[in-house]
Amino acid sequence: RVIQGELDEGVVNASQKYFPQLAVAYEDPRMELRIEDAIGWAIREAPRRGGSFDAVIIDSTDEPLISIWTEQFYASLRKMIRKGGVLLQNAQSLDVPAQLDNLLRLHKAGGFERVRPVMISTIDYGSPYIGYLSSGLETPCPGPARWAEERAPALKAAWYSPAIHRASVMVPPAMVRRWPDFRPDTPGCGELAVEQLFPSGAGGGVAAAV
């Protein structure tokens, strides 16, 4: 099940008009779309949805929205994510370290003990564009699971391979110098054991906060 929070209904309408091949997902009965402030929704719903989500994805505009994030919001997300679950948020390019600092601080203040950067190659921003993958300490550092590597040849993907996956979680030296906790030898880092994180039949859902 997926819950998507979208502040502006016009974004959904535009996607249905111009990207119907993607917007068809809204017809899936497992999809719940809520047109409202996702930050307010998370804070309001956290007390009754504790441990109910496998993953939360925040895909938002960058500046000037740096000011809207609060410790209360991230603490609410931390409460809603089950043990072994993750938060993924697009952050900023390396040339805007102030925003990377701010989000790193907020993720940790909200209770996410492990925050790891993920590199994203994109033509829209300076590359690498950086996302934060945050979790509790029980979640290993990110990387392709063994079963994913085994299935990759049959997938015949156009834009994915285990090698690209591994490259996306390699941290540039400039980031390690500024944030030593991002070193690849940080205790607990290693192969992402998805079988351990999401065993068969476990988990609740995925929330996409936009």
N, C-alpha and C. Protein backbone atom coordinates (compact mmCIF):
# COMPACT_ATOMS: atom_id res chain seq x y z
N ARG A 1 0.84 -1.19 0.00
CA ARG A 1 0.00 0.00 0.00
C ARG A 1 0.87 1.25 0.00
N VAL A 2 0.44 2.27 -0.72
CA VAL A 2 1.18 3.52 -0.81
C VAL A 2 0.25 4.68 -0.45
N ILE A 3 0.72 5.56 0.41
CA ILE A 3 0.01 6.80 0.71
C ILE A 3 0.86 7.95 0.19
N GLN A 4 0.31 8.77 -0.68
CA GLN A 4 1.03 9.94 -1.19
C GLN A 4 0.36 11.20 -0.70
N GLY A 5 1.16 12.08 -0.13
CA GLY A 5 0.68 13.39 0.28
C GLY A 5 1.15 14.43 -0.71
N GLU A 6 0.22 15.18 -1.28
CA GLU A 6 0.56 16.22 -2.27
C GLU A 6 -0.16 17.51 -1.90
N LEU A 7 0.60 18.58 -1.76
CA LEU A 7 0.02 19.85 -1.34
C LEU A 7 -0.82 20.49 -2.44
N ASP A 8 -0.39 20.35 -3.68
CA ASP A 8 -1.01 21.04 -4.81
C ASP A 8 -1.66 20.02 -5.75
N GLU A 9 -2.98 20.02 -5.83
CA GLU A 9 -3.68 19.07 -6.69
C GLU A 9 -3.33 19.29 -8.16
N GLY A 10 -2.91 20.51 -8.51
CA GLY A 10 -2.52 20.79 -9.88
C GLY A 10 -1.36 19.94 -10.35
N VAL A 11 -0.48 19.54 -9.43
CA VAL A 11 0.65 18.68 -9.78
C VAL A 11 0.13 17.31 -10.23
N VAL A 12 -0.84 16.79 -9.51
CA VAL A 12 -1.44 15.51 -9.87
C VAL A 12 -2.16 15.61 -11.20
N ASN A 13 -2.94 16.67 -11.39
CA ASN A 13 -3.67 16.85 -12.64
C ASN A 13 -2.72 16.96 -13.83
N ALA A 14 -1.61 17.67 -13.63
CA ALA A 14 -0.64 17.81 -14.71
C ALA A 14 0.01 16.48 -15.06
N SER A 15 0.29 15.67 -14.04
CA SER A 15 0.91 14.36 -14.30
C SER A 15 -0.06 13.46 -15.05
N GLN A 16 -1.34 13.55 -14.71
CA GLN A 16 -2.33 12.72 -15.40
C GLN A 16 -2.50 13.15 -16.86
N LYS A 17 -2.33 14.43 -17.12
CA LYS A 17 -2.50 14.95 -18.48
C LYS A 17 -1.27 14.69 -19.35
N TYR A 18 -0.08 14.94 -18.78
CA TYR A 18 1.14 14.90 -19.59
C TYR A 18 1.95 13.62 -19.42
N PHE A 19 1.73 12.88 -18.33
CA PHE A 19 2.48 11.64 -18.10
C PHE A 19 1.53 10.50 -17.74
N PRO A 20 0.57 10.21 -18.62
CA PRO A 20 -0.44 9.20 -18.29
C PRO A 20 0.15 7.82 -18.03
N GLN A 21 1.29 7.52 -18.65
CA GLN A 21 1.89 6.21 -18.46
C GLN A 21 2.39 6.03 -17.03
N LEU A 22 2.68 7.14 -16.36
CA LEU A 22 3.07 7.09 -14.95
C LEU A 22 1.87 7.29 -14.02
N ALA A 23 1.00 8.21 -14.41
CA ALA A 23 -0.15 8.54 -13.56
C ALA A 23 -1.16 7.41 -13.48
N VAL A 24 -1.04 6.40 -14.33
CA VAL A 24 -1.95 5.26 -14.24
C VAL A 24 -1.87 4.60 -12.87
N ALA A 25 -0.77 4.82 -12.17
CA ALA A 25 -0.62 4.25 -10.82
C ALA A 25 -1.72 4.74 -9.87
N TYR A 26 -2.28 5.91 -10.14
CA TYR A 26 -3.33 6.42 -9.26
C TYR A 26 -4.59 5.56 -9.33
N GLU A 27 -4.71 4.72 -10.34
CA GLU A 27 -5.87 3.85 -10.47
C GLU A 27 -5.71 2.56 -9.67
N ASP A 28 -4.53 2.32 -9.16
CA ASP A 28 -4.28 1.11 -8.37
C ASP A 28 -5.00 1.22 -7.03
N PRO A 29 -5.80 0.24 -6.63
CA PRO A 29 -6.54 0.33 -5.36
C PRO A 29 -5.63 0.38 -4.14
N ARG A 30 -4.37 0.03 -4.31
CA ARG A 30 -3.44 0.10 -3.17
C ARG A 30 -2.88 1.50 -2.96
N MET A 31 -3.24 2.41 -3.87
CA MET A 31 -2.74 3.78 -3.82
C MET A 31 -3.74 4.70 -3.15
N GLU A 32 -3.31 5.45 -2.14
CA GLU A 32 -4.16 6.43 -1.46
C GLU A 32 -3.53 7.81 -1.64
N LEU A 33 -4.23 8.71 -2.30
CA LEU A 33 -3.75 10.06 -2.55
C LEU A 33 -4.46 11.03 -1.61
N ARG A 34 -3.66 11.82 -0.90
CA ARG A 34 -4.21 12.81 0.02
C ARG A 34 -3.70 14.19 -0.41
N ILE A 35 -4.64 15.09 -0.77
CA ILE A 35 -4.29 16.45 -1.17
C ILE A 35 -4.30 17.31 0.09
N GLU A 36 -3.14 17.44 0.71
CA GLU A 36 -3.01 18.24 1.92
C GLU A 36 -1.54 18.41 2.25
N ASP A 37 -1.28 19.17 3.27
CA ASP A 37 0.08 19.40 3.75
C ASP A 37 0.61 18.11 4.36
N ALA A 38 1.60 17.50 3.73
CA ALA A 38 2.12 16.21 4.21
C ALA A 38 2.83 16.36 5.56
N ILE A 39 3.42 17.52 5.82
CA ILE A 39 4.08 17.71 7.11
C ILE A 39 3.05 17.70 8.24
N GLY A 40 1.97 18.45 8.04
CA GLY A 40 0.91 18.46 9.05
C GLY A 40 0.27 17.09 9.21
N TRP A 41 0.10 16.37 8.09
CA TRP A 41 -0.48 15.02 8.15
C TRP A 41 0.39 14.09 8.98
N ALA A 42 1.70 14.13 8.75
CA ALA A 42 2.61 13.24 9.48
C ALA A 42 2.58 13.52 10.98
N ILE A 43 2.61 14.79 11.35
CA ILE A 43 2.59 15.15 12.76
C ILE A 43 1.28 14.71 13.41
N ARG A 44 0.18 14.88 12.68
CA ARG A 44 -1.14 14.52 13.21
C ARG A 44 -1.33 13.01 13.32
N GLU A 45 -0.82 12.26 12.33
CA GLU A 45 -1.09 10.84 12.26
C GLU A 45 -0.08 9.98 13.03
N ALA A 46 1.07 10.53 13.37
CA ALA A 46 2.11 9.73 14.02
C ALA A 46 1.64 8.99 15.28
N PRO A 47 0.85 9.63 16.16
CA PRO A 47 0.46 8.92 17.39
C PRO A 47 -0.31 7.63 17.15
N ARG A 48 -1.06 7.55 16.04
CA ARG A 48 -1.87 6.35 15.82
C ARG A 48 -1.31 5.45 14.71
N ARG A 49 -0.20 5.82 14.12
CA ARG A 49 0.38 5.02 13.04
C ARG A 49 1.80 4.59 13.38
N GLY A 50 2.12 4.44 14.63
CA GLY A 50 3.46 4.05 15.02
C GLY A 50 3.87 2.72 14.41
N GLY A 51 5.06 2.69 13.81
CA GLY A 51 5.60 1.46 13.24
C GLY A 51 4.81 0.89 12.08
N SER A 52 4.10 1.73 11.33
CA SER A 52 3.21 1.20 10.29
C SER A 52 3.77 1.34 8.87
N PHE A 53 4.93 1.97 8.69
CA PHE A 53 5.47 2.17 7.35
C PHE A 53 6.84 1.53 7.19
N ASP A 54 7.04 0.90 6.04
CA ASP A 54 8.36 0.35 5.70
C ASP A 54 9.30 1.45 5.25
N ALA A 55 8.78 2.44 4.55
CA ALA A 55 9.62 3.50 4.00
C ALA A 55 8.82 4.78 3.85
N VAL A 56 9.51 5.89 4.01
CA VAL A 56 8.95 7.21 3.75
C VAL A 56 9.87 7.89 2.75
N ILE A 57 9.30 8.44 1.69
CA ILE A 57 10.07 9.12 0.65
C ILE A 57 9.63 10.57 0.59
N ILE A 58 10.57 11.48 0.73
CA ILE A 58 10.28 12.91 0.61
C ILE A 58 10.97 13.41 -0.65
N ASP A 59 10.17 13.83 -1.61
CA ASP A 59 10.70 14.37 -2.86
C ASP A 59 10.13 15.77 -3.01
N SER A 60 10.87 16.75 -2.54
CA SER A 60 10.35 18.12 -2.51
C SER A 60 11.31 19.06 -3.21
N THR A 61 10.82 20.27 -3.46
CA THR A 61 11.68 21.33 -3.95
C THR A 61 12.72 21.65 -2.89
N ASP A 62 13.86 22.17 -3.32
CA ASP A 62 14.93 22.49 -2.37
C ASP A 62 14.69 23.88 -1.78
N GLU A 63 15.56 24.82 -2.05
CA GLU A 63 15.36 26.19 -1.59
C GLU A 63 14.09 26.75 -2.23
N PRO A 64 13.27 27.56 -1.55
CA PRO A 64 13.53 28.09 -0.21
C PRO A 64 12.88 27.26 0.89
N LEU A 65 12.59 25.98 0.62
CA LEU A 65 11.86 25.17 1.59
C LEU A 65 12.71 24.69 2.74
N ILE A 66 13.97 25.10 2.81
CA ILE A 66 14.82 24.68 3.91
C ILE A 66 14.21 25.05 5.25
N SER A 67 13.41 26.12 5.28
CA SER A 67 12.89 26.61 6.56
C SER A 67 11.67 25.84 7.06
N ILE A 68 11.04 25.00 6.23
CA ILE A 68 9.81 24.36 6.67
C ILE A 68 10.04 23.09 7.48
N TRP A 69 11.25 22.50 7.40
CA TRP A 69 11.51 21.25 8.10
C TRP A 69 11.73 21.51 9.59
N THR A 70 11.17 20.65 10.44
CA THR A 70 11.31 20.81 11.88
C THR A 70 11.67 19.48 12.52
N GLU A 71 12.24 19.55 13.72
CA GLU A 71 12.55 18.33 14.47
C GLU A 71 11.28 17.54 14.76
N GLN A 72 10.18 18.24 15.03
CA GLN A 72 8.91 17.56 15.31
C GLN A 72 8.45 16.71 14.13
N PHE A 73 8.63 17.24 12.93
CA PHE A 73 8.24 16.50 11.72
C PHE A 73 9.05 15.22 11.59
N TYR A 74 10.37 15.31 11.73
CA TYR A 74 11.20 14.12 11.58
C TYR A 74 10.99 13.13 12.72
N ALA A 75 10.73 13.63 13.92
CA ALA A 75 10.42 12.73 15.02
C ALA A 75 9.11 11.98 14.75
N SER A 76 8.17 12.64 14.10
CA SER A 76 6.91 11.99 13.73
C SER A 76 7.15 10.89 12.70
N LEU A 77 7.99 11.18 11.70
CA LEU A 77 8.31 10.17 10.70
C LEU A 77 9.02 8.98 11.35
N ARG A 78 9.95 9.29 12.25
CA ARG A 78 10.69 8.21 12.93
C ARG A 78 9.74 7.30 13.68
N LYS A 79 8.72 7.88 14.29
CA LYS A 79 7.76 7.08 15.04
C LYS A 79 6.94 6.20 14.11
N MET A 80 6.61 6.69 12.91
CA MET A 80 5.75 5.94 12.00
C MET A 80 6.49 4.83 11.26
N ILE A 81 7.82 4.93 11.16
CA ILE A 81 8.60 3.93 10.42
C ILE A 81 8.90 2.75 11.33
N ARG A 82 8.62 1.56 10.85
CA ARG A 82 8.84 0.37 11.67
C ARG A 82 10.33 0.05 11.78
N LYS A 83 10.68 -0.83 12.69
CA LYS A 83 12.06 -1.26 12.84
C LYS A 83 12.56 -1.88 11.54
N GLY A 84 13.71 -1.40 11.06
CA GLY A 84 14.22 -1.86 9.78
C GLY A 84 13.80 -1.00 8.61
N GLY A 85 12.90 -0.05 8.83
CA GLY A 85 12.43 0.82 7.77
C GLY A 85 13.37 1.99 7.53
N VAL A 86 13.09 2.75 6.48
CA VAL A 86 14.00 3.84 6.11
C VAL A 86 13.23 5.09 5.70
N LEU A 87 13.91 6.22 5.80
CA LEU A 87 13.46 7.50 5.26
C LEU A 87 14.44 7.90 4.16
N LEU A 88 13.92 8.24 2.99
CA LEU A 88 14.76 8.74 1.90
C LEU A 88 14.28 10.15 1.54
N GLN A 89 15.20 11.11 1.58
CA GLN A 89 14.85 12.49 1.23
C GLN A 89 15.90 13.07 0.30
N ASN A 90 15.44 13.67 -0.82
CA ASN A 90 16.39 14.38 -1.65
C ASN A 90 16.87 15.61 -0.88
N ALA A 91 18.17 15.87 -0.93
CA ALA A 91 18.74 16.92 -0.10
C ALA A 91 19.22 18.11 -0.93
N GLN A 92 20.37 17.98 -1.58
CA GLN A 92 20.93 19.12 -2.32
C GLN A 92 22.22 18.65 -2.98
N SER A 93 22.76 19.47 -3.86
CA SER A 93 24.06 19.20 -4.44
C SER A 93 25.15 19.56 -3.44
N LEU A 94 26.33 19.02 -3.67
CA LEU A 94 27.43 19.22 -2.74
C LEU A 94 27.86 20.69 -2.66
N ASP A 95 27.48 21.48 -3.67
CA ASP A 95 27.87 22.89 -3.65
C ASP A 95 26.98 23.74 -2.76
N VAL A 96 26.00 23.12 -2.08
CA VAL A 96 25.17 23.85 -1.11
C VAL A 96 25.27 23.12 0.23
N PRO A 97 26.44 23.13 0.86
CA PRO A 97 26.64 22.34 2.08
C PRO A 97 25.78 22.79 3.25
N ALA A 98 25.34 24.05 3.26
CA ALA A 98 24.52 24.52 4.37
C ALA A 98 23.23 23.73 4.46
N GLN A 99 22.61 23.43 3.31
CA GLN A 99 21.37 22.67 3.34
C GLN A 99 21.63 21.21 3.72
N LEU A 100 22.74 20.65 3.26
CA LEU A 100 23.10 19.29 3.65
C LEU A 100 23.34 19.22 5.16
N ASP A 101 24.01 20.23 5.71
CA ASP A 101 24.22 20.29 7.16
C ASP A 101 22.89 20.35 7.90
N ASN A 102 21.99 21.21 7.42
CA ASN A 102 20.72 21.41 8.10
C ASN A 102 19.89 20.12 8.12
N LEU A 103 19.78 19.45 6.97
CA LEU A 103 18.98 18.22 6.92
C LEU A 103 19.62 17.09 7.72
N LEU A 104 20.95 17.01 7.70
CA LEU A 104 21.63 16.00 8.50
C LEU A 104 21.33 16.21 9.98
N ARG A 105 21.39 17.45 10.41
CA ARG A 105 21.10 17.76 11.81
C ARG A 105 19.66 17.41 12.17
N LEU A 106 18.72 17.75 11.29
CA LEU A 106 17.31 17.50 11.57
C LEU A 106 16.99 16.01 11.58
N HIS A 107 17.54 15.26 10.64
CA HIS A 107 17.30 13.81 10.63
C HIS A 107 17.76 13.18 11.94
N LYS A 108 18.95 13.58 12.40
CA LYS A 108 19.48 12.99 13.63
C LYS A 108 18.69 13.48 14.85
N ALA A 109 18.32 14.76 14.85
CA ALA A 109 17.54 15.29 15.97
C ALA A 109 16.17 14.63 16.05
N GLY A 110 15.65 14.18 14.88
CA GLY A 110 14.37 13.49 14.87
C GLY A 110 14.43 12.05 15.31
N GLY A 111 15.64 11.54 15.56
CA GLY A 111 15.77 10.18 16.08
C GLY A 111 16.34 9.16 15.11
N PHE A 112 16.78 9.60 13.93
CA PHE A 112 17.39 8.67 12.97
C PHE A 112 18.87 8.55 13.30
N GLU A 113 19.25 7.38 13.85
CA GLU A 113 20.62 7.21 14.32
C GLU A 113 21.62 7.05 13.17
N ARG A 114 21.16 6.51 12.06
CA ARG A 114 22.05 6.31 10.91
C ARG A 114 21.55 7.14 9.73
N VAL A 115 22.38 8.03 9.22
CA VAL A 115 22.06 8.85 8.05
C VAL A 115 23.19 8.66 7.04
N ARG A 116 22.85 8.15 5.85
CA ARG A 116 23.85 7.88 4.83
C ARG A 116 23.48 8.60 3.53
N PRO A 117 24.46 9.17 2.84
CA PRO A 117 24.18 9.84 1.57
C PRO A 117 24.06 8.86 0.42
N VAL A 118 23.20 9.19 -0.52
CA VAL A 118 23.03 8.43 -1.76
C VAL A 118 23.25 9.40 -2.92
N MET A 119 24.13 9.05 -3.85
CA MET A 119 24.44 9.92 -4.97
C MET A 119 23.44 9.70 -6.12
N ILE A 120 22.96 10.79 -6.69
CA ILE A 120 21.98 10.73 -7.77
C ILE A 120 22.51 11.53 -8.95
N SER A 121 22.65 10.90 -10.10
CA SER A 121 23.09 11.61 -11.31
C SER A 121 21.87 12.17 -12.03
N THR A 122 21.86 13.46 -12.25
CA THR A 122 20.71 14.10 -12.88
C THR A 122 21.18 15.32 -13.68
N ILE A 123 20.48 15.60 -14.75
CA ILE A 123 20.82 16.77 -15.56
C ILE A 123 20.18 18.04 -15.01
N ASP A 124 19.28 17.91 -14.03
CA ASP A 124 18.54 19.06 -13.53
C ASP A 124 19.31 19.85 -12.49
N TYR A 125 20.23 19.20 -11.79
CA TYR A 125 21.01 19.84 -10.74
C TYR A 125 22.47 19.50 -10.95
N GLY A 126 23.33 20.21 -10.20
CA GLY A 126 24.73 19.83 -10.22
C GLY A 126 24.91 18.42 -9.71
N SER A 127 25.63 17.60 -10.42
CA SER A 127 25.81 16.21 -10.01
C SER A 127 27.15 16.03 -9.31
N PRO A 128 27.23 15.15 -8.29
CA PRO A 128 26.11 14.30 -7.90
C PRO A 128 25.12 15.06 -7.02
N TYR A 129 23.85 14.82 -7.26
CA TYR A 129 22.81 15.31 -6.38
C TYR A 129 22.71 14.30 -5.24
N ILE A 130 22.47 14.78 -4.04
CA ILE A 130 22.59 13.93 -2.86
C ILE A 130 21.24 13.76 -2.17
N GLY A 131 20.91 12.52 -1.85
CA GLY A 131 19.76 12.21 -1.01
C GLY A 131 20.26 11.61 0.29
N TYR A 132 19.46 11.70 1.34
CA TYR A 132 19.80 11.07 2.61
C TYR A 132 18.90 9.86 2.83
N LEU A 133 19.54 8.73 3.14
CA LEU A 133 18.82 7.50 3.50
C LEU A 133 19.04 7.30 4.99
N SER A 134 17.97 7.45 5.78
CA SER A 134 18.08 7.49 7.23
C SER A 134 17.29 6.36 7.87
N SER A 135 17.80 5.88 9.00
CA SER A 135 17.19 4.72 9.65
C SER A 135 17.69 4.61 11.07
N GLY A 136 17.28 3.52 11.73
CA GLY A 136 17.85 3.16 13.01
C GLY A 136 19.14 2.38 12.79
N LEU A 137 19.84 2.07 13.86
CA LEU A 137 21.11 1.37 13.74
C LEU A 137 20.95 -0.08 13.32
N GLU A 138 19.73 -0.61 13.43
CA GLU A 138 19.51 -2.01 13.04
C GLU A 138 19.52 -2.19 11.52
N THR A 139 19.44 -1.09 10.79
CA THR A 139 19.44 -1.14 9.33
C THR A 139 20.86 -0.99 8.80
N PRO A 140 21.35 -1.95 8.01
CA PRO A 140 22.72 -1.82 7.47
C PRO A 140 22.83 -0.63 6.53
N CYS A 141 24.06 -0.21 6.29
CA CYS A 141 24.26 0.85 5.31
C CYS A 141 23.85 0.36 3.93
N PRO A 142 23.43 1.27 3.05
CA PRO A 142 22.81 0.86 1.79
C PRO A 142 23.76 0.24 0.78
N GLY A 143 23.20 -0.65 -0.03
CA GLY A 143 23.93 -1.31 -1.11
C GLY A 143 23.02 -2.39 -1.68
N PRO A 144 23.32 -2.96 -2.84
CA PRO A 144 22.45 -3.97 -3.44
C PRO A 144 22.43 -5.26 -2.65
N ALA A 145 21.26 -5.77 -2.38
CA ALA A 145 21.13 -7.06 -1.70
C ALA A 145 21.56 -8.18 -2.63
N ARG A 146 21.99 -9.29 -2.05
CA ARG A 146 22.47 -10.41 -2.86
C ARG A 146 21.40 -10.91 -3.82
N TRP A 147 20.15 -10.99 -3.32
CA TRP A 147 19.09 -11.51 -4.20
C TRP A 147 18.83 -10.55 -5.36
N ALA A 148 19.03 -9.24 -5.14
CA ALA A 148 18.83 -8.27 -6.21
C ALA A 148 19.90 -8.43 -7.29
N GLU A 149 21.12 -8.69 -6.87
CA GLU A 149 22.19 -8.92 -7.84
C GLU A 149 21.92 -10.17 -8.66
N GLU A 150 21.39 -11.20 -8.03
CA GLU A 150 21.11 -12.45 -8.74
C GLU A 150 19.99 -12.27 -9.76
N ARG A 151 19.03 -11.41 -9.46
CA ARG A 151 17.89 -11.22 -10.36
C ARG A 151 18.14 -10.16 -11.43
N ALA A 152 19.19 -9.38 -11.28
CA ALA A 152 19.43 -8.26 -12.18
C ALA A 152 19.52 -8.66 -13.66
N PRO A 153 20.20 -9.76 -14.04
CA PRO A 153 20.27 -10.11 -15.46
C PRO A 153 18.90 -10.36 -16.09
N ALA A 154 18.01 -11.01 -15.35
CA ALA A 154 16.67 -11.30 -15.88
C ALA A 154 15.82 -10.04 -15.97
N LEU A 155 16.15 -9.03 -15.18
CA LEU A 155 15.38 -7.79 -15.17
C LEU A 155 15.50 -7.04 -16.49
N LYS A 156 16.67 -7.10 -17.11
CA LYS A 156 16.95 -6.42 -18.38
C LYS A 156 16.59 -4.93 -18.28
N ALA A 157 17.04 -4.32 -17.20
CA ALA A 157 16.73 -2.90 -16.96
C ALA A 157 17.52 -1.99 -17.89
N ALA A 158 16.96 -0.83 -18.16
CA ALA A 158 17.64 0.14 -19.01
C ALA A 158 18.58 1.04 -18.20
N TRP A 159 18.22 1.30 -16.93
CA TRP A 159 18.96 2.30 -16.16
C TRP A 159 19.46 1.77 -14.83
N TYR A 160 19.30 0.48 -14.57
CA TYR A 160 19.75 -0.06 -13.29
C TYR A 160 20.69 -1.23 -13.49
N SER A 161 21.69 -1.31 -12.64
CA SER A 161 22.55 -2.48 -12.53
C SER A 161 23.11 -2.48 -11.12
N PRO A 162 23.51 -3.64 -10.59
CA PRO A 162 24.13 -3.64 -9.26
C PRO A 162 25.35 -2.75 -9.17
N ALA A 163 26.11 -2.63 -10.27
CA ALA A 163 27.30 -1.76 -10.25
C ALA A 163 26.90 -0.30 -10.08
N ILE A 164 25.85 0.14 -10.79
CA ILE A 164 25.36 1.51 -10.63
C ILE A 164 24.84 1.71 -9.21
N HIS A 165 24.16 0.71 -8.68
CA HIS A 165 23.65 0.77 -7.31
C HIS A 165 24.81 0.97 -6.33
N ARG A 166 25.86 0.17 -6.46
CA ARG A 166 27.00 0.30 -5.56
C ARG A 166 27.66 1.67 -5.70
N ALA A 167 27.77 2.15 -6.94
CA ALA A 167 28.39 3.45 -7.16
C ALA A 167 27.60 4.57 -6.50
N SER A 168 26.28 4.43 -6.45
CA SER A 168 25.44 5.49 -5.90
C SER A 168 25.63 5.69 -4.41
N VAL A 169 26.17 4.70 -3.72
CA VAL A 169 26.36 4.83 -2.27
C VAL A 169 27.83 5.00 -1.91
N MET A 170 28.69 5.20 -2.91
CA MET A 170 30.09 5.52 -2.64
C MET A 170 30.19 7.03 -2.37
N VAL A 171 30.75 7.40 -1.25
CA VAL A 171 30.76 8.79 -0.82
C VAL A 171 32.03 9.49 -1.31
N PRO A 172 31.89 10.64 -2.01
CA PRO A 172 33.06 11.38 -2.49
C PRO A 172 33.96 11.80 -1.34
N PRO A 173 35.28 11.84 -1.57
CA PRO A 173 36.22 12.25 -0.51
C PRO A 173 35.89 13.60 0.11
N ALA A 174 35.40 14.53 -0.69
CA ALA A 174 35.07 15.86 -0.15
C ALA A 174 33.99 15.76 0.92
N MET A 175 33.06 14.84 0.76
CA MET A 175 32.00 14.67 1.76
C MET A 175 32.55 14.02 3.01
N VAL A 176 33.44 13.04 2.83
CA VAL A 176 34.02 12.37 3.99
C VAL A 176 34.85 13.34 4.82
N ARG A 177 35.57 14.25 4.14
CA ARG A 177 36.36 15.23 4.88
C ARG A 177 35.46 16.16 5.68
N ARG A 178 34.33 16.55 5.13
CA ARG A 178 33.43 17.45 5.85
C ARG A 178 32.59 16.71 6.88
N TRP A 179 32.16 15.47 6.53
CA TRP A 179 31.32 14.68 7.42
C TRP A 179 31.98 13.32 7.65
N PRO A 180 32.87 13.20 8.62
CA PRO A 180 33.60 11.95 8.84
C PRO A 180 32.71 10.73 9.07
N ASP A 181 31.48 10.94 9.57
CA ASP A 181 30.58 9.81 9.80
C ASP A 181 30.17 9.12 8.51
N PHE A 182 30.44 9.74 7.37
CA PHE A 182 30.09 9.14 6.08
C PHE A 182 31.18 8.20 5.55
N ARG A 183 32.22 7.95 6.34
CA ARG A 183 33.27 7.04 5.90
C ARG A 183 32.68 5.66 5.59
N PRO A 184 33.20 4.97 4.56
CA PRO A 184 32.67 3.65 4.22
C PRO A 184 32.94 2.59 5.27
N ASP A 185 33.91 2.85 6.18
CA ASP A 185 34.21 1.86 7.21
C ASP A 185 33.47 2.15 8.52
N THR A 186 32.45 3.01 8.46
CA THR A 186 31.64 3.28 9.64
C THR A 186 31.06 1.98 10.19
N PRO A 187 31.13 1.73 11.50
CA PRO A 187 30.60 0.48 12.06
C PRO A 187 29.16 0.23 11.64
N GLY A 188 28.90 -1.01 11.19
CA GLY A 188 27.55 -1.38 10.78
C GLY A 188 27.30 -1.25 9.31
N CYS A 189 28.22 -0.60 8.58
CA CYS A 189 28.02 -0.45 7.15
C CYS A 189 28.42 -1.74 6.43
N GLY A 190 27.73 -2.02 5.37
CA GLY A 190 27.98 -3.23 4.60
C GLY A 190 26.86 -3.45 3.64
N GLU A 191 26.72 -4.66 3.15
CA GLU A 191 25.69 -4.98 2.19
C GLU A 191 24.30 -4.80 2.79
N LEU A 192 23.41 -4.19 2.06
CA LEU A 192 22.04 -3.99 2.52
C LEU A 192 21.30 -5.30 2.43
N ALA A 193 20.99 -5.89 3.56
CA ALA A 193 20.31 -7.19 3.59
C ALA A 193 18.81 -6.97 3.57
N VAL A 194 18.26 -6.82 2.39
CA VAL A 194 16.83 -6.54 2.27
C VAL A 194 16.01 -7.68 2.85
N GLU A 195 16.51 -8.92 2.74
CA GLU A 195 15.79 -10.05 3.31
C GLU A 195 15.61 -9.86 4.81
N GLN A 196 16.63 -9.24 5.45
CA GLN A 196 16.56 -8.99 6.88
C GLN A 196 15.62 -7.83 7.18
N LEU A 197 15.65 -6.79 6.31
CA LEU A 197 14.84 -5.60 6.57
C LEU A 197 13.38 -5.84 6.31
N PHE A 198 13.06 -6.54 5.21
CA PHE A 198 11.67 -6.74 4.82
C PHE A 198 11.40 -8.23 4.60
N PRO A 199 11.38 -9.04 5.66
CA PRO A 199 11.10 -10.46 5.49
C PRO A 199 9.71 -10.68 4.95
N SER A 200 9.49 -11.83 4.35
CA SER A 200 8.21 -12.14 3.71
C SER A 200 7.05 -11.95 4.67
N GLY A 201 6.05 -11.17 4.24
CA GLY A 201 4.84 -10.97 5.02
C GLY A 201 4.94 -9.85 6.03
N ALA A 202 6.09 -9.20 6.14
CA ALA A 202 6.24 -8.15 7.15
C ALA A 202 6.04 -6.79 6.52
N GLY A 203 5.88 -5.79 7.38
CA GLY A 203 5.83 -4.42 6.89
C GLY A 203 4.42 -3.89 6.76
N GLY A 204 4.34 -2.57 6.59
CA GLY A 204 3.04 -1.94 6.52
C GLY A 204 2.78 -1.28 5.20
N GLY A 205 3.56 -0.28 4.85
CA GLY A 205 3.28 0.44 3.62
C GLY A 205 4.41 1.40 3.32
N VAL A 206 4.19 2.20 2.30
CA VAL A 206 5.18 3.21 1.91
C VAL A 206 4.48 4.55 1.87
N ALA A 207 5.03 5.55 2.53
CA ALA A 207 4.44 6.88 2.48
C ALA A 207 5.33 7.77 1.64
N ALA A 208 4.76 8.45 0.67
CA ALA A 208 5.51 9.41 -0.12
C ALA A 208 5.03 10.80 0.24
N ALA A 209 5.88 11.56 0.93
CA ALA A 209 5.51 12.93 1.30
C ALA A 209 6.12 13.89 0.32
N VAL A 210 5.30 14.67 -0.37
CA VAL A 210 5.80 15.57 -1.41
C VAL A 210 5.55 17.01 -0.99
